[in-house]
Every structure is written in structure tokens, then in C-alpha cells.
């Protein structure tokens, strides 16, 4: 019984540091239209964000499955190949993910998942 607080603390530290947990349960700290991500997203590296963009390419095999958006955003869907298969070139999609890299004309959301298009979406504006 006296170790219970220690185990609770240990579990909380694990959950707070785990990107999968952040992706599943954390709220996005910002939402972007993909065209605005490269100019406004630098402050959000390492954080969960939502991006709305148009699919330019879908890669299912080899795993990890990836979806690429028009302005150069790569969305690593990992083993969620069915999620990637649901995307067609030209589709407009919403993606939640941890922003890992952001350079001119290139961004990486890793890990990433598709998001419900009916959920609230209020993108940051310049």
C-alpha cells in the first residue's frame, strides 16, 4: 500500500511522455490549413496539431503507411494501412499528429491519424 503513490507517479510520468497517449487523448494545441503550416507552425514542433490539406500521394507498403499533402506535409500513419487506403489523391482530409519537423516546403507529422472531418476546426490565421 505504501508504494501506491510511487506507482501512480510512475504511471503518470509514462503517460505524459508517451506520444501515442498525446495523440489519442491530447487536444491539438493548434489547427492549420496546410498552406499556412510552414509559416506559422515553428512554435508547435513537438506538439499535437491538426492540419487540413489535400492528398497528393498515398503510400501503403512498405509499412509505415504514409499520406502526403499538396504543400509537402508527410503524415506517418504507421500500421494504420486501412486509414491510408481510405485516402484518395485529391481528397481533402484532416490529420492530427505530432509535428516532428518543419522546413520550407516540408513538414512531418509523426505519429499521425486521420481525424473526423465533422469535428471543430478553427485554423490559425496569419
Protein backbone atom coordinates (compact mmCIF):
# COMPACT_ATOMS: atom_id res chain seq x y z
CA UNK A 1 0.00 0.00 0.00
CA UNK A 2 2.81 2.41 0.77
CA UNK A 3 4.14 2.03 -2.80
CA UNK A 4 0.82 3.05 -4.38
CA UNK A 5 1.71 6.78 -4.68
CA UNK A 6 5.01 5.83 -6.31
CA UNK A 7 3.28 3.62 -8.90
CA UNK A 8 0.70 6.31 -9.63
CA UNK A 9 3.51 8.85 -10.13
CA UNK A 10 5.40 6.41 -12.37
CA UNK A 11 2.28 5.73 -14.47
CA UNK A 12 1.60 9.47 -14.87
CA UNK A 13 5.18 10.13 -15.98
CA UNK A 14 4.90 7.35 -18.56
CA UNK A 15 1.58 8.62 -19.91
CA UNK A 16 2.62 12.28 -20.08
CA UNK A 17 5.80 11.44 -22.00
CA UNK A 18 4.21 8.97 -24.40
CA UNK A 19 3.43 10.40 -27.85
CA UNK A 20 0.81 7.74 -28.53
CA UNK A 21 -1.09 8.86 -25.45
CA UNK A 22 -0.83 12.51 -26.54
CA UNK A 23 -2.07 11.59 -30.00
CA UNK A 24 -5.03 9.58 -28.71
CA UNK A 25 -6.15 11.72 -25.80
CA UNK A 26 -4.48 15.10 -26.03
CA UNK A 27 -6.21 18.08 -27.60
CA UNK A 28 -4.45 19.71 -30.54
CA UNK A 29 -2.72 22.89 -29.40
CA UNK A 30 -3.27 24.48 -32.82
CA UNK A 31 -5.03 23.84 -36.12
CA UNK A 32 -3.70 24.83 -39.54
CA UNK A 33 -4.62 24.91 -43.18
CA UNK A 34 -1.68 23.09 -44.73
CA UNK A 35 -0.68 26.10 -46.83
CA UNK A 36 -0.11 28.10 -43.60
CA UNK A 37 1.78 25.43 -41.65
CA UNK A 38 5.27 26.28 -42.93
CA UNK A 39 5.00 29.96 -41.99
CA UNK A 40 3.15 29.61 -38.69
CA UNK A 41 3.99 26.20 -37.28
CA UNK A 42 7.58 26.55 -35.97
CA UNK A 43 6.41 27.19 -32.39
CA UNK A 44 4.44 23.93 -32.40
CA UNK A 45 7.25 21.43 -33.09
CA UNK A 46 6.85 18.51 -30.68
CA UNK A 47 3.19 19.31 -30.06
CA UNK A 48 -0.06 17.80 -31.30
CA UNK A 49 -1.65 19.80 -34.11
CA UNK A 50 -4.40 19.38 -36.70
CA UNK A 51 -3.74 20.02 -40.38
CA UNK A 52 -6.33 20.28 -43.15
CA UNK A 53 -4.97 19.60 -46.61
CA UNK A 54 -5.40 17.89 -49.96
CA UNK A 55 -3.90 14.42 -50.53
CA UNK A 56 -1.17 14.33 -53.18
CA UNK A 57 0.18 10.80 -52.60
CA UNK A 58 -0.61 7.67 -50.56
CA UNK A 59 2.00 5.03 -49.65
CA UNK A 60 0.66 1.89 -48.03
CA UNK A 61 3.51 -0.60 -48.44
CA UNK A 62 6.10 -0.95 -47.11
CA UNK A 63 4.82 -0.09 -43.63
CA UNK A 64 4.72 2.58 -42.22
CA UNK A 65 1.73 3.82 -44.20
CA UNK A 66 2.06 7.48 -45.19
CA UNK A 67 -0.14 10.15 -46.69
CA UNK A 68 1.41 13.21 -48.32
CA UNK A 69 -0.39 16.54 -48.66
CA UNK A 70 -0.06 19.08 -51.50
CA UNK A 71 2.28 21.51 -49.74
CA UNK A 72 4.78 18.84 -48.69
CA UNK A 73 3.41 17.58 -45.38
CA UNK A 74 4.18 13.91 -44.72
CA UNK A 75 1.78 12.16 -42.34
CA UNK A 76 3.14 8.92 -40.86
CA UNK A 77 0.12 6.71 -40.13
CA UNK A 78 2.30 3.79 -39.03
CA UNK A 79 0.49 0.44 -39.13
CA UNK A 80 -2.88 2.05 -39.89
CA UNK A 81 -2.83 0.91 -43.52
CA UNK A 82 -6.63 0.90 -43.77
CA UNK A 83 -6.66 4.52 -42.72
CA UNK A 84 -4.22 5.30 -45.52
CA UNK A 85 -6.22 3.19 -48.00
CA UNK A 86 -9.28 5.34 -47.31
CA UNK A 87 -7.43 8.39 -48.70
CA UNK A 88 -7.51 9.11 -52.41
CA UNK A 89 -5.40 11.64 -54.30
CA UNK A 90 -7.34 14.90 -54.38
CA UNK A 91 -9.32 14.19 -51.17
CA UNK A 92 -9.37 16.94 -48.56
CA UNK A 93 -8.53 15.40 -45.17
CA UNK A 94 -7.94 16.40 -41.56
CA UNK A 95 -4.91 14.90 -39.82
CA UNK A 96 -3.96 15.01 -36.14
CA UNK A 97 -0.31 14.42 -35.38
CA UNK A 98 2.82 15.38 -33.51
CA UNK A 99 4.75 17.93 -35.56
CA UNK A 100 8.27 16.48 -35.71
CA UNK A 101 9.91 18.52 -38.44
CA UNK A 102 9.13 21.75 -40.23
CA UNK A 103 11.25 23.16 -43.02
CA UNK A 104 10.47 25.23 -46.07
CA UNK A 105 8.16 23.14 -48.28
CA UNK A 106 8.33 20.12 -45.98
CA UNK A 107 6.73 19.03 -42.71
CA UNK A 108 6.44 15.74 -40.83
CA UNK A 109 3.56 14.63 -38.59
CA UNK A 110 4.75 11.52 -36.76
CA UNK A 111 2.75 9.74 -35.45
CA UNK A 112 -0.42 10.84 -37.20
CA UNK A 113 -4.05 9.74 -37.54
CA UNK A 114 -6.96 10.86 -39.65
CA UNK A 115 -9.48 12.99 -37.84
CA UNK A 116 -13.25 13.27 -38.01
CA UNK A 117 -13.99 15.96 -40.62
CA UNK A 118 -17.10 16.99 -38.67
CA UNK A 119 -15.12 17.87 -35.52
CA UNK A 120 -14.49 21.54 -34.73
CA UNK A 121 -11.80 23.08 -36.88
CA UNK A 122 -10.67 26.66 -36.33
CA UNK A 123 -7.33 27.20 -38.11
CA UNK A 124 -4.83 29.81 -37.06
CA UNK A 125 -4.65 32.72 -39.47
CA UNK A 126 -1.74 34.99 -40.31
